[in-house]
Protein backbone atom coordinates (compact mmCIF):
# COMPACT_ATOMS: atom_id res chain seq x y z
CA MET A 1 77.56 109.34 165.69
CA ARG A 2 81.08 110.63 165.89
CA GLU A 3 83.25 113.72 166.06
CA VAL A 4 86.87 113.94 164.89
CA LEU A 5 89.54 116.33 166.13
CA HIS A 6 92.99 116.80 164.64
CA ALA A 7 95.80 118.08 166.84
CA ARG A 8 99.52 117.58 167.28
CA GLY A 9 101.83 116.57 170.04
CA HIS A 10 104.25 118.86 171.83
CA GLU A 11 107.62 118.41 173.53
CA ASN A 12 105.99 118.88 176.95
CA VAL A 13 103.44 116.05 176.53
CA SER A 14 104.04 113.76 179.51
CA GLY A 15 100.77 111.88 179.92
CA GLU A 16 101.13 111.69 183.70
CA HIS A 17 97.77 112.91 185.03
CA ALA A 18 95.87 110.35 187.09
CA SER A 19 92.28 111.50 186.55
CA THR A 20 91.98 113.40 183.23
CA PHE A 21 93.17 113.57 179.63
CA GLU A 22 92.85 116.64 177.44
CA VAL A 23 93.22 117.97 173.90
CA THR A 24 93.38 121.76 173.56
CA THR A 25 93.20 124.37 170.82
CA ASP A 26 96.02 126.25 172.56
CA ASP A 27 99.30 126.32 170.63
CA TYR A 28 101.50 125.89 173.68
CA LEU A 29 101.92 123.48 176.58
CA THR A 30 103.82 123.97 179.81
CA PRO A 31 105.23 121.03 181.79
CA ALA A 32 102.42 121.56 184.33
CA GLY A 33 99.87 120.42 181.72
CA ASP A 34 100.45 116.74 182.41
CA CYS A 35 96.97 115.71 181.24
CA ILE A 36 97.29 117.33 177.80
CA LEU A 37 97.99 114.93 174.94
CA GLY A 38 97.54 117.30 172.00
CA VAL A 39 97.68 121.01 171.17
CA GLU A 40 96.46 123.13 168.25
CA ALA A 41 93.27 121.08 167.95
CA ASP A 42 91.22 122.11 164.94
CA ARG A 43 87.96 121.84 166.89
CA ALA A 44 86.64 122.14 170.42
CA PRO A 45 83.48 120.82 172.12
CA ALA A 46 81.56 124.00 171.20
CA ASP A 47 81.98 122.98 167.52
CA PHE A 48 80.35 119.55 167.92
CA ASP A 49 77.08 118.69 166.19
CA PRO A 50 74.04 119.30 168.43
CA ALA A 51 72.80 115.74 167.76
CA PHE A 52 76.12 114.32 169.01
CA VAL A 53 75.94 116.51 172.12
CA ALA A 54 72.35 115.41 172.79
CA ALA A 55 73.34 111.74 172.51
CA CYS A 56 76.20 112.28 174.98
CA ARG A 57 73.81 113.81 177.52
CA ASP A 58 72.19 110.40 178.04
CA ALA A 59 73.45 108.89 181.31
CA GLU A 60 73.29 105.46 179.64
CA ALA A 61 75.45 106.53 176.66
CA THR A 62 78.81 104.90 176.08
CA ILE A 63 81.37 107.34 174.67
CA THR A 64 84.49 105.93 173.04
CA ALA A 65 87.64 108.00 172.49
CA ARG A 66 90.20 106.71 169.99
CA PHE A 67 93.61 108.38 169.86
CA GLU A 68 95.88 107.70 166.88
CA ALA A 69 99.39 109.06 166.30
CA ALA A 70 102.46 107.76 164.46
CA GLY A 71 100.97 104.30 164.02
CA HIS A 72 100.01 103.95 167.69
CA VAL A 73 96.38 103.63 168.78
CA GLU A 74 94.77 103.92 172.20
CA THR A 75 91.06 103.47 172.78
CA LEU A 76 89.09 104.02 175.97
CA THR A 77 85.48 104.29 176.95
CA GLY A 78 83.55 106.44 179.37
CA ARG A 79 79.95 107.45 179.70
CA GLY A 80 77.66 110.34 179.06
CA ASP A 81 76.00 112.59 181.60
CA PRO A 82 72.93 114.85 181.45
CA GLU A 83 75.09 117.77 182.69
CA LEU A 84 77.51 117.69 179.74
CA SER A 85 77.33 121.08 178.00
CA PHE A 86 80.09 120.88 175.36
CA GLU A 87 80.39 124.69 175.56
CA SER A 88 84.18 125.05 175.72
CA ASP A 89 85.75 126.67 172.68
CA ARG A 90 89.21 125.71 173.91
CA SER A 91 89.57 122.24 175.45
CA ALA A 92 88.11 118.74 175.40
CA VAL A 93 88.61 116.84 178.68
CA GLY A 94 87.85 113.24 179.56
CA ARG A 95 87.55 112.36 183.24
CA THR A 96 87.73 109.21 185.34
CA SER A 97 85.49 110.97 187.89
CA ASP A 98 81.91 112.21 187.61
CA TYR A 99 82.94 115.89 187.63
CA VAL A 100 81.45 117.93 184.76
CA ASP A 101 82.34 121.40 183.50
CA ASP A 102 82.11 123.09 180.08
CA ARG A 103 85.22 121.23 178.87
CA THR A 104 84.08 117.73 179.83
CA ILE A 105 83.43 115.31 176.94
CA LEU A 106 82.98 112.11 178.96
CA VAL A 107 82.98 110.92 182.57
CA GLY A 108 83.86 107.58 184.15
CA ALA A 109 86.77 107.03 181.75
CA GLU A 110 88.53 103.68 182.02
CA PHE A 111 91.80 105.54 182.58
CA ALA A 112 93.37 108.98 182.30
CA ALA A 113 96.53 110.33 180.66
CA GLU A 114 98.81 108.18 182.84
CA GLY A 115 97.18 105.04 181.43
CA PHE A 116 97.95 105.79 177.79
CA ASP A 117 100.40 103.62 175.90
CA ARG A 118 103.88 105.02 176.54
CA GLU A 119 104.90 104.67 172.88
CA LEU A 120 101.92 106.82 171.89
CA VAL A 121 102.85 109.40 174.54
CA ALA A 122 106.48 109.40 173.32
CA ALA A 123 105.33 109.97 169.74
CA LEU A 124 103.22 112.91 170.90
CA ALA A 125 106.18 114.31 172.85
CA ASP A 126 108.06 114.18 169.52
CA GLY A 127 105.30 116.31 167.94
CA ALA A 128 103.36 113.62 166.06
CA GLU A 129 100.06 114.46 164.41
CA LEU A 130 97.11 113.26 166.51
CA THR A 131 93.64 112.21 165.43
CA VAL A 132 91.00 111.85 168.14
CA THR A 133 87.75 110.16 167.17
CA LEU A 134 84.87 110.36 169.64
CA SER A 135 81.87 108.12 169.11
CA VAL A 136 78.70 107.70 171.13
CA GLU A 137 76.31 104.77 171.40
């Protein structure tokens, strides 16, 4: 099962956060948002298919996030958690920790925003279109 979000980069994308990455439906980004990789997302966790959400609530689930922009691709994995609610209508957040809130889409991520390929981050800072594909096994 998978979910796809389309967003775009922003001049303030820095990809410097050490424990999270995020894609938001907001149309702006301040320099303080150093985990945000994309803005103006066309979907949020609250829009995801209930079957996808149920699969992600399995503690044994592997969730893969694939980010593609301007010919650059970054893929990482994390895991599901029974506490995932996917209720946010604004932001999708991946975490290296086990913390869960309504924005969380995966926990135990291999890396956060600071670990993303710098060429991908630079393309997003130039406003590139971003496609995020989430899949769960």
